[in-house]
C-alpha atoms as a PDB file:
ATOM      1  CA  MET A   1      38.448 128.308  98.767  1.00  0.00           C
ATOM      2  CA  THR A   2      39.730 125.426 100.715  1.00  0.00           C
ATOM      3  CA  GLU A   3      43.001 125.225 102.549  1.00  0.00           C
ATOM      4  CA  ALA A   4      44.517 122.887  99.947  1.00  0.00           C
ATOM      5  CA  GLN A   5      43.877 125.366  97.157  1.00  0.00           C
ATOM      6  CA  ASN A   6      45.663 128.187  99.016  1.00  0.00           C
ATOM      7  CA  GLN A   7      48.965 126.316  99.214  1.00  0.00           C
ATOM      8  CA  PRO A   8      51.896 127.617  97.162  1.00  0.00           C
ATOM      9  CA  PRO A   9      52.975 125.452  94.253  1.00  0.00           C
ATOM     10  CA  LYS A  10      55.393 122.623  94.991  1.00  0.00           C
ATOM     11  CA  THR A  11      58.916 122.823  93.569  1.00  0.00           C
ATOM     12  CA  PRO A  12      61.487 120.035  93.219  1.00  0.00           C
ATOM     13  CA  PHE A  13      63.404 121.523  96.149  1.00  0.00           C
ATOM     14  CA  ASP A  14      60.385 121.160  98.451  1.00  0.00           C
ATOM     15  CA  GLN A  15      60.292 117.413  98.083  1.00  0.00           C
ATOM     16  CA  PRO A  16      62.526 115.350 100.338  1.00  0.00           C
ATOM     17  CA  PRO A  17      65.616 114.209  98.466  1.00  0.00           C
ATOM     18  CA  ALA A  18      66.014 110.575  97.609  1.00  0.00           C
ATOM     19  CA  ASP A  19      68.440 109.276 100.188  1.00  0.00           C
ATOM     20  CA  GLY A  20      69.877 106.681  97.811  1.00  0.00           C
ATOM     21  CA  GLY A  21      72.615 109.098  96.750  1.00  0.00           C
ATOM     22  CA  LEU A  22      73.411 110.029 100.317  1.00  0.00           C
ATOM     23  CA  ARG A  23      73.534 106.371 101.309  1.00  0.00           C
ATOM     24  CA  GLN A  24      75.922 105.608  98.447  1.00  0.00           C
ATOM     25  CA  LEU A  25      78.135 108.546  99.429  1.00  0.00           C
ATOM     26  CA  LYS A  26      78.274 107.375 103.043  1.00  0.00           C
ATOM     27  CA  SER A  27      79.219 103.901 101.859  1.00  0.00           C
ATOM     28  CA  ALA A  28      81.903 105.414  99.619  1.00  0.00           C
ATOM     29  CA  GLN A  29      83.196 107.451 102.562  1.00  0.00           C
ATOM     30  CA  THR A  30      83.547 104.269 104.621  1.00  0.00           C
ATOM     31  CA  LEU A  31      85.439 102.568 101.797  1.00  0.00           C
ATOM     32  CA  VAL A  32      87.754 105.580 101.450  1.00  0.00           C
ATOM     33  CA  THR A  33      88.431 105.489 105.188  1.00  0.00           C
ATOM     34  CA  VAL A  34      89.392 101.808 104.986  1.00  0.00           C
ATOM     35  CA  ALA A  35      91.685 102.513 102.037  1.00  0.00           C
ATOM     36  CA  THR A  36      93.223 105.547 103.722  1.00  0.00           C
ATOM     37  CA  VAL A  37      94.162 103.444 106.736  1.00  0.00           C
ATOM     38  CA  ALA A  38      95.139 100.292 104.813  1.00  0.00           C
ATOM     39  CA  GLY A  39      97.769 101.941 102.580  1.00  0.00           C
ATOM     40  CA  PRO A  40     100.134 103.346 105.231  1.00  0.00           C
ATOM     41  CA  VAL A  41      99.586 100.420 107.613  1.00  0.00           C
ATOM     42  CA  SER A  42     100.508  97.956 104.881  1.00  0.00           C
ATOM     43  CA  LEU A  43     103.738  99.878 104.321  1.00  0.00           C
ATOM     44  CA  LEU A  44     104.577  99.549 108.005  1.00  0.00           C
ATOM     45  CA  ILE A  45     103.845  95.846 108.344  1.00  0.00           C
ATOM     46  CA  GLY A  46     104.646  94.848 104.778  1.00  0.00           C
ATOM     47  CA  GLY A  47     101.277  93.457 103.816  1.00  0.00           C
ATOM     48  CA  VAL A  48     100.651  92.799 100.143  1.00  0.00           C
ATOM     49  CA  VAL A  49      97.135  91.604 100.917  1.00  0.00           C
ATOM     50  CA  LEU A  50      96.317  94.658 103.038  1.00  0.00           C
ATOM     51  CA  SER A  51      97.483  97.078 100.359  1.00  0.00           C
ATOM     52  CA  GLY A  52      95.512  95.070  97.793  1.00  0.00           C
ATOM     53  CA  VAL A  53      92.382  95.427  99.927  1.00  0.00           C
ATOM     54  CA  GLY A  54      93.058  99.158 100.122  1.00  0.00           C
ATOM     55  CA  VAL A  55      93.274  99.457  96.342  1.00  0.00           C
ATOM     56  CA  VAL A  56      90.021  97.534  95.892  1.00  0.00           C
ATOM     57  CA  CYS A  57      88.193  99.644  98.494  1.00  0.00           C
ATOM     58  CA  ALA A  58      89.423 102.898  96.971  1.00  0.00           C
ATOM     59  CA  LEU A  59      88.389 101.826  93.470  1.00  0.00           C
ATOM     60  CA  MET A  60      84.954 100.745  94.710  1.00  0.00           C
ATOM     61  CA  ALA A  61      84.524 104.149  96.364  1.00  0.00           C
ATOM     62  CA  LEU A  62      85.493 105.878  93.118  1.00  0.00           C
ATOM     63  CA  VAL A  63      82.907 103.885  91.186  1.00  0.00           C
ATOM     64  CA  LYS A  64      80.192 104.682  93.725  1.00  0.00           C
ATOM     65  CA  VAL A  65      80.955 108.406  93.722  1.00  0.00           C
ATOM     66  CA  ARG A  66      81.014 108.567  89.926  1.00  0.00           C
ATOM     67  CA  ARG A  67      77.685 106.748  89.767  1.00  0.00           C
ATOM     68  CA  VAL A  68      76.118 109.176  92.261  1.00  0.00           C
ATOM     69  CA  LEU A  69      77.476 112.187  90.394  1.00  0.00           C
ATOM     70  CA  ALA A  70      76.210 110.818  87.084  1.00  0.00           C
ATOM     71  CA  GLU A  71      72.682 110.414  88.503  1.00  0.00           C
ATOM     72  CA  GLY A  72      72.696 113.976  89.750  1.00  0.00           C
ATOM     73  CA  VAL A  73      72.604 115.067  93.359  1.00  0.00           C
ATOM     74  CA  ALA A  74      71.613 118.114  95.367  1.00  0.00           C
ATOM     75  CA  PRO A  75      74.089 121.024  95.290  1.00  0.00           C
ATOM     76  CA  GLY A  76      75.233 120.368  98.872  1.00  0.00           C
ATOM     77  CA  LEU A  77      75.877 116.719  98.157  1.00  0.00           C
ATOM     78  CA  SER A  78      77.884 117.425  95.020  1.00  0.00           C
ATOM     79  CA  VAL A  79      80.523 119.205  97.123  1.00  0.00           C
ATOM     80  CA  TYR A  80      80.559 116.245  99.524  1.00  0.00           C
ATOM     81  CA  ALA A  81      80.860 113.833  96.584  1.00  0.00           C
ATOM     82  CA  SER A  82      83.736 115.754  95.028  1.00  0.00           C
ATOM     83  CA  ARG A  83      85.639 115.667  98.313  1.00  0.00           C
ATOM     84  CA  ILE A  84      85.092 111.928  98.615  1.00  0.00           C
ATOM     85  CA  ARG A  85      86.227 111.482  95.005  1.00  0.00           C
ATOM     86  CA  ARG A  86      89.426 113.431  95.690  1.00  0.00           C
ATOM     87  CA  SER A  87      90.124 111.322  98.784  1.00  0.00           C
ATOM     88  CA  ALA A  88      89.423 108.135  96.832  1.00  0.00           C
ATOM     89  CA  VAL A  89      91.871 109.099  94.089  1.00  0.00           C
ATOM     90  CA  LEU A  90      94.562 109.913  96.651  1.00  0.00           C
ATOM     91  CA  SER A  91      93.908 106.668  98.541  1.00  0.00           C
ATOM     92  CA  THR A  92      94.099 104.711  95.287  1.00  0.00           C
ATOM     93  CA  LEU A  93      97.509 106.198  94.541  1.00  0.00           C
ATOM     94  CA  VAL A  94      98.857 105.584  98.059  1.00  0.00           C
ATOM     95  CA  CYS A  95      97.579 101.998  98.165  1.00  0.00           C
ATOM     96  CA  ALA A  96      98.901 101.262  94.661  1.00  0.00           C
ATOM     97  CA  LEU A  97     102.327 102.586  95.683  1.00  0.00           C
ATOM     98  CA  ALA A  98     102.215 100.492  98.862  1.00  0.00           C
ATOM     99  CA  LEU A  99     101.188  97.422  96.863  1.00  0.00           C
ATOM    100  CA  THR A 100     104.081  97.935  94.453  1.00  0.00           C
ATOM    101  CA  LEU A 101     106.660  98.402  97.209  1.00  0.00           C
ATOM    102  CA  ASN A 102     105.326  95.452  99.209  1.00  0.00           C
ATOM    103  CA  ALA A 103     105.364  93.214  96.119  1.00  0.00           C
ATOM    104  CA  ILE A 104     108.985  94.186  95.381  1.00  0.00           C
ATOM    105  CA  ALA A 105     109.982  93.448  98.984  1.00  0.00           C
ATOM    106  CA  LEU A 106     108.173  90.112  98.917  1.00  0.00           C
ATOM    107  CA  ALA A 107     109.790  89.151  95.607  1.00  0.00           C
ATOM    108  CA  SER A 108     113.264  89.956  96.944  1.00  0.00           C
ATOM    109  CA  VAL A 109     112.815  87.941 100.150  1.00  0.00           C
ATOM    110  CA  MET A 110     110.949  84.956  98.696  1.00  0.00           C
ATOM    111  CA  PRO A 111     113.904  83.046  97.125  1.00  0.00           C
ATOM    112  CA  ALA A 112     115.920  83.058 100.355  1.00  0.00           C
ATOM    113  CA  LEU A 113     112.867  82.112 102.376  1.00  0.00           C
ATOM    114  CA  ILE A 114     111.984  79.216 100.075  1.00  0.00           C
ATOM    115  CA  GLN A 115     115.575  77.959 100.190  1.00  0.00           C
ATOM    116  CA  ALA A 116     115.625  78.152 103.985  1.00  0.00           C
ATOM    117  CA  ILE A 117     112.348  76.243 104.210  1.00  0.00           C
ATOM    118  CA  GLN A 118     113.491  73.555 101.767  1.00  0.00           C
ATOM    119  CA  THR A 119     116.829  72.973 103.469  1.00  0.00           C
ATOM    120  CA  GLY A 120     115.488  73.403 107.000  1.00  0.00           C
ATOM    121  CA  ASP A 121     118.422  75.689 107.825  1.00  0.00           C
ATOM    122  CA  LEU A 122     116.938  78.999 108.905  1.00  0.00           C
ATOM    123  CA  SER A 123     120.362  80.339 109.883  1.00  0.00           C
ATOM    124  CA  SER A 124     121.000  80.917 106.175  1.00  0.00           C
ATOM    125  CA  LEU A 125     118.504  83.789 106.400  1.00  0.00           C
ATOM    126  CA  TYR A 126     120.803  85.500 108.890  1.00  0.00           C
ATOM    127  CA  GLU A 127     123.761  85.165 106.563  1.00  0.00           C
ATOM    128  CA  THR A 128     121.830  86.282 103.479  1.00  0.00           C
ATOM    129  CA  TYR A 129     120.597  89.510 105.041  1.00  0.00           C
ATOM    130  CA  ASN A 130     123.636  90.186 107.280  1.00  0.00           C
ATOM    131  CA  LEU A 131     121.646  89.894 110.501  1.00  0.00           C
ATOM    132  CA  PRO A 132     123.511  89.234 113.767  1.00  0.00           C
ATOM    133  CA  GLN A 133     123.118  85.762 115.180  1.00  0.00           C
ATOM    134  CA  GLY A 134     122.427  86.055 118.873  1.00  0.00           C
ATOM    135  CA  SER A 135     122.065  83.433 121.537  1.00  0.00           C
ATOM    136  CA  GLY A 136     118.598  84.623 122.538  1.00  0.00           C
ATOM    137  CA  ALA A 137     115.351  82.782 122.288  1.00  0.00           C
ATOM    138  CA  GLY A 138     114.450  81.724 118.782  1.00  0.00           C
ATOM    139  CA  SER A 139     117.996  81.922 117.449  1.00  0.00           C
ATOM    140  CA  GLY A 140     118.386  78.153 117.288  1.00  0.00           C
ATOM    141  CA  SER A 141     121.494  77.965 119.483  1.00  0.00           C
ATOM    142  CA  ALA A 142     121.792  77.216 123.165  1.00  0.00           C
ATOM    143  CA  PRO A 143     123.187  79.821 125.566  1.00  0.00           C
ATOM    144  CA  LYS A 144     126.876  79.466 126.410  1.00  0.00           C
ATOM    145  CA  ASP A 145     126.427  79.608 130.207  1.00  0.00           C
ATOM    146  CA  PRO A 146     123.540  77.551 131.653  1.00  0.00           C
ATOM    147  CA  SER A 147     123.315  79.818 134.710  1.00  0.00           C
ATOM    148  CA  THR A 148     122.276  82.731 132.497  1.00  0.00           C
ATOM    149  CA  SER A 149     119.404  80.773 130.975  1.00  0.00           C
ATOM    150  CA  ILE A 150     115.905  81.727 132.037  1.00  0.00           C
ATOM    151  CA  TRP A 151     115.033  78.024 132.168  1.00  0.00           C
ATOM    152  CA  GLY A 152     117.478  77.346 135.015  1.00  0.00           C
END
């Protein structure tokens, strides 16, 4: 008998796994990370576009994970895929909430901003939102005492 004939039979677990599923899961993990960061950051800075990008990334990750799970993966990767899916669902919810809140804030500010731009009077924004009008830089008024000016 030759050496090749004495080998044990090959099983599906002996063959190297197709790394297409693992590659898709890593890509989905990257998308979930982007969405996880984009949602809270967009709430802090008020970015409708950023929260929209987060929603799109989270939904793309969900689609990728579902596709990988539908094709069938190794038992170790199925646990990894389910964790990514759970993170993607949570990120989708957070980014959708951020998008909703940012859109409401933008819709409430937009009429006053458009009016201020059309009239050229930006001081109306201070009056609309009860902000104090200071004499600092960018307030549109000159300082009362020239000796206190940084311009001399």
